[in-house]
Amino acid sequence: MADKTHKMLQMVLDGQASIRKDIKNLDIKLNNKIDEVEERLTKRIDKIGLAVARLEDDTPTITEFEK
């Protein structure tokens, strides 16, 4: 009887260890994905900011526009 209980307890512990490993791997993958998205968004925002800055430089002032 004790042998069956030991085996059952060992199966539960092995399952728990497996779940922890899966969660840790998922956490690592998710962090990498977030870093990739953040990098892409940062590049995109930089491009948009540069485009706006250039557009702002080309925009006539009020006095130039009124002439």
N, C-alpha and C. Protein backbone atom coordinates (compact mmCIF):
# COMPACT_ATOMS: atom_id res chain seq x y z
N MET A 1 0.81 -1.19 0.00
CA MET A 1 0.00 0.00 0.00
C MET A 1 0.86 1.27 0.00
N ALA A 2 1.91 1.27 0.80
CA ALA A 2 2.79 2.42 0.87
C ALA A 2 3.51 2.63 -0.45
N ASP A 3 3.80 1.53 -1.15
CA ASP A 3 4.48 1.62 -2.45
C ASP A 3 3.59 2.32 -3.47
N LYS A 4 2.29 2.01 -3.46
CA LYS A 4 1.35 2.65 -4.38
C LYS A 4 1.23 4.14 -4.06
N THR A 5 1.16 4.45 -2.77
CA THR A 5 1.06 5.85 -2.35
C THR A 5 2.31 6.62 -2.76
N HIS A 6 3.46 5.99 -2.59
CA HIS A 6 4.73 6.62 -2.97
C HIS A 6 4.77 6.89 -4.47
N LYS A 7 4.34 5.90 -5.26
CA LYS A 7 4.33 6.07 -6.71
C LYS A 7 3.37 7.20 -7.12
N MET A 8 2.20 7.24 -6.49
CA MET A 8 1.22 8.26 -6.82
C MET A 8 1.75 9.64 -6.45
N LEU A 9 2.36 9.76 -5.28
CA LEU A 9 2.94 11.02 -4.86
C LEU A 9 4.07 11.44 -5.80
N GLN A 10 4.86 10.50 -6.24
CA GLN A 10 5.95 10.80 -7.17
C GLN A 10 5.41 11.28 -8.51
N MET A 11 4.31 10.70 -8.97
CA MET A 11 3.69 11.14 -10.23
C MET A 11 3.19 12.58 -10.09
N VAL A 12 2.59 12.90 -8.95
CA VAL A 12 2.11 14.25 -8.73
C VAL A 12 3.27 15.24 -8.72
N LEU A 13 4.33 14.89 -8.04
CA LEU A 13 5.51 15.77 -7.97
C LEU A 13 6.16 15.93 -9.35
N ASP A 14 6.24 14.85 -10.11
CA ASP A 14 6.80 14.93 -11.47
C ASP A 14 5.94 15.83 -12.35
N GLY A 15 4.61 15.71 -12.21
CA GLY A 15 3.71 16.56 -12.98
C GLY A 15 3.88 18.02 -12.61
N GLN A 16 4.03 18.29 -11.33
CA GLN A 16 4.23 19.66 -10.86
C GLN A 16 5.54 20.23 -11.41
N ALA A 17 6.59 19.43 -11.39
CA ALA A 17 7.88 19.87 -11.92
C ALA A 17 7.77 20.16 -13.41
N SER A 18 7.04 19.32 -14.12
CA SER A 18 6.85 19.51 -15.55
C SER A 18 6.08 20.81 -15.83
N ILE A 19 5.05 21.06 -15.05
CA ILE A 19 4.27 22.29 -15.22
C ILE A 19 5.13 23.52 -14.94
N ARG A 20 5.94 23.47 -13.90
CA ARG A 20 6.83 24.59 -13.59
C ARG A 20 7.80 24.85 -14.74
N LYS A 21 8.33 23.78 -15.31
CA LYS A 21 9.26 23.92 -16.43
C LYS A 21 8.56 24.57 -17.62
N ASP A 22 7.33 24.11 -17.91
CA ASP A 22 6.57 24.68 -19.02
C ASP A 22 6.28 26.16 -18.79
N ILE A 23 5.92 26.51 -17.56
CA ILE A 23 5.63 27.92 -17.25
C ILE A 23 6.89 28.77 -17.40
N LYS A 24 8.01 28.25 -16.95
CA LYS A 24 9.26 29.00 -17.06
C LYS A 24 9.62 29.22 -18.54
N ASN A 25 9.47 28.17 -19.36
CA ASN A 25 9.76 28.30 -20.80
C ASN A 25 8.80 29.29 -21.45
N LEU A 26 7.54 29.25 -21.06
CA LEU A 26 6.55 30.17 -21.61
C LEU A 26 6.89 31.60 -21.22
N ASP A 27 7.32 31.80 -19.99
CA ASP A 27 7.71 33.13 -19.51
C ASP A 27 8.88 33.67 -20.33
N ILE A 28 9.85 32.84 -20.60
CA ILE A 28 11.02 33.26 -21.39
C ILE A 28 10.59 33.63 -22.80
N LYS A 29 9.75 32.79 -23.42
CA LYS A 29 9.28 33.07 -24.78
C LYS A 29 8.47 34.35 -24.83
N LEU A 30 7.61 34.55 -23.83
CA LEU A 30 6.78 35.75 -23.78
C LEU A 30 7.63 37.00 -23.61
N ASN A 31 8.62 36.94 -22.75
CA ASN A 31 9.52 38.10 -22.57
C ASN A 31 10.26 38.42 -23.85
N ASN A 32 10.72 37.40 -24.56
CA ASN A 32 11.41 37.64 -25.83
C ASN A 32 10.47 38.28 -26.85
N LYS A 33 9.22 37.80 -26.90
CA LYS A 33 8.24 38.33 -27.84
C LYS A 33 7.93 39.79 -27.51
N ILE A 34 7.78 40.09 -26.23
CA ILE A 34 7.50 41.47 -25.81
C ILE A 34 8.66 42.37 -26.20
N ASP A 35 9.89 41.90 -26.02
CA ASP A 35 11.06 42.70 -26.40
C ASP A 35 11.08 42.97 -27.91
N GLU A 36 10.72 41.95 -28.72
CA GLU A 36 10.68 42.13 -30.17
C GLU A 36 9.63 43.16 -30.57
N VAL A 37 8.45 43.06 -29.98
CA VAL A 37 7.37 44.01 -30.30
C VAL A 37 7.76 45.41 -29.87
N GLU A 38 8.35 45.53 -28.69
CA GLU A 38 8.77 46.84 -28.20
C GLU A 38 9.81 47.46 -29.13
N GLU A 39 10.74 46.65 -29.60
CA GLU A 39 11.77 47.15 -30.51
C GLU A 39 11.15 47.62 -31.82
N ARG A 40 10.21 46.84 -32.36
CA ARG A 40 9.55 47.24 -33.62
C ARG A 40 8.75 48.52 -33.43
N LEU A 41 8.03 48.62 -32.31
CA LEU A 41 7.24 49.83 -32.07
C LEU A 41 8.13 51.04 -31.88
N THR A 42 9.25 50.86 -31.18
CA THR A 42 10.17 51.97 -30.97
C THR A 42 10.72 52.46 -32.31
N LYS A 43 11.09 51.54 -33.18
CA LYS A 43 11.58 51.93 -34.51
C LYS A 43 10.49 52.67 -35.28
N ARG A 44 9.26 52.17 -35.19
CA ARG A 44 8.14 52.78 -35.91
C ARG A 44 7.87 54.19 -35.37
N ILE A 45 7.87 54.33 -34.05
CA ILE A 45 7.64 55.64 -33.45
C ILE A 45 8.75 56.61 -33.83
N ASP A 46 9.99 56.12 -33.87
CA ASP A 46 11.10 56.97 -34.28
C ASP A 46 10.92 57.46 -35.71
N LYS A 47 10.49 56.57 -36.60
CA LYS A 47 10.27 56.95 -38.00
C LYS A 47 9.15 57.98 -38.10
N ILE A 48 8.07 57.77 -37.36
CA ILE A 48 6.95 58.71 -37.40
C ILE A 48 7.38 60.06 -36.84
N GLY A 49 8.13 60.04 -35.73
CA GLY A 49 8.62 61.29 -35.14
C GLY A 49 9.52 62.05 -36.10
N LEU A 50 10.37 61.34 -36.80
CA LEU A 50 11.26 61.98 -37.77
C LEU A 50 10.45 62.57 -38.92
N ALA A 51 9.45 61.83 -39.39
CA ALA A 51 8.61 62.34 -40.48
C ALA A 51 7.86 63.60 -40.04
N VAL A 52 7.35 63.60 -38.82
CA VAL A 52 6.64 64.78 -38.32
C VAL A 52 7.60 65.95 -38.18
N ALA A 53 8.79 65.70 -37.70
CA ALA A 53 9.78 66.77 -37.55
C ALA A 53 10.13 67.37 -38.91
N ARG A 54 10.30 66.54 -39.89
CA ARG A 54 10.61 67.04 -41.24
C ARG A 54 9.44 67.83 -41.80
N LEU A 55 8.24 67.33 -41.60
CA LEU A 55 7.04 68.02 -42.07
C LEU A 55 6.91 69.37 -41.37
N GLU A 56 7.20 69.39 -40.09
CA GLU A 56 7.12 70.63 -39.33
C GLU A 56 8.14 71.65 -39.84
N ASP A 57 9.31 71.18 -40.23
CA ASP A 57 10.34 72.08 -40.76
C ASP A 57 9.91 72.67 -42.10
N ASP A 58 9.17 71.91 -42.89
CA ASP A 58 8.74 72.37 -44.21
C ASP A 58 7.47 73.21 -44.16
N THR A 59 6.77 73.20 -43.05
CA THR A 59 5.51 73.93 -42.93
C THR A 59 5.79 75.43 -42.83
N PRO A 60 5.09 76.22 -43.63
CA PRO A 60 5.31 77.67 -43.56
C PRO A 60 4.78 78.24 -42.24
N THR A 61 5.41 79.32 -41.82
CA THR A 61 4.94 80.01 -40.62
C THR A 61 3.67 80.77 -40.96
N ILE A 62 3.01 81.33 -39.94
CA ILE A 62 1.76 82.06 -40.19
C ILE A 62 1.99 83.25 -41.10
N THR A 63 3.08 83.98 -40.88
CA THR A 63 3.35 85.15 -41.72
C THR A 63 3.67 84.73 -43.15
N GLU A 64 4.40 83.65 -43.32
CA GLU A 64 4.68 83.16 -44.67
C GLU A 64 3.40 82.69 -45.35
N PHE A 65 2.51 82.08 -44.59
CA PHE A 65 1.28 81.56 -45.15
C PHE A 65 0.35 82.70 -45.56
N GLU A 66 0.31 83.78 -44.76
CA GLU A 66 -0.57 84.89 -45.06
C GLU A 66 -0.11 85.69 -46.27
N LYS A 67 1.19 85.64 -46.59
CA LYS A 67 1.69 86.36 -47.76
C LYS A 67 1.27 85.62 -48.98
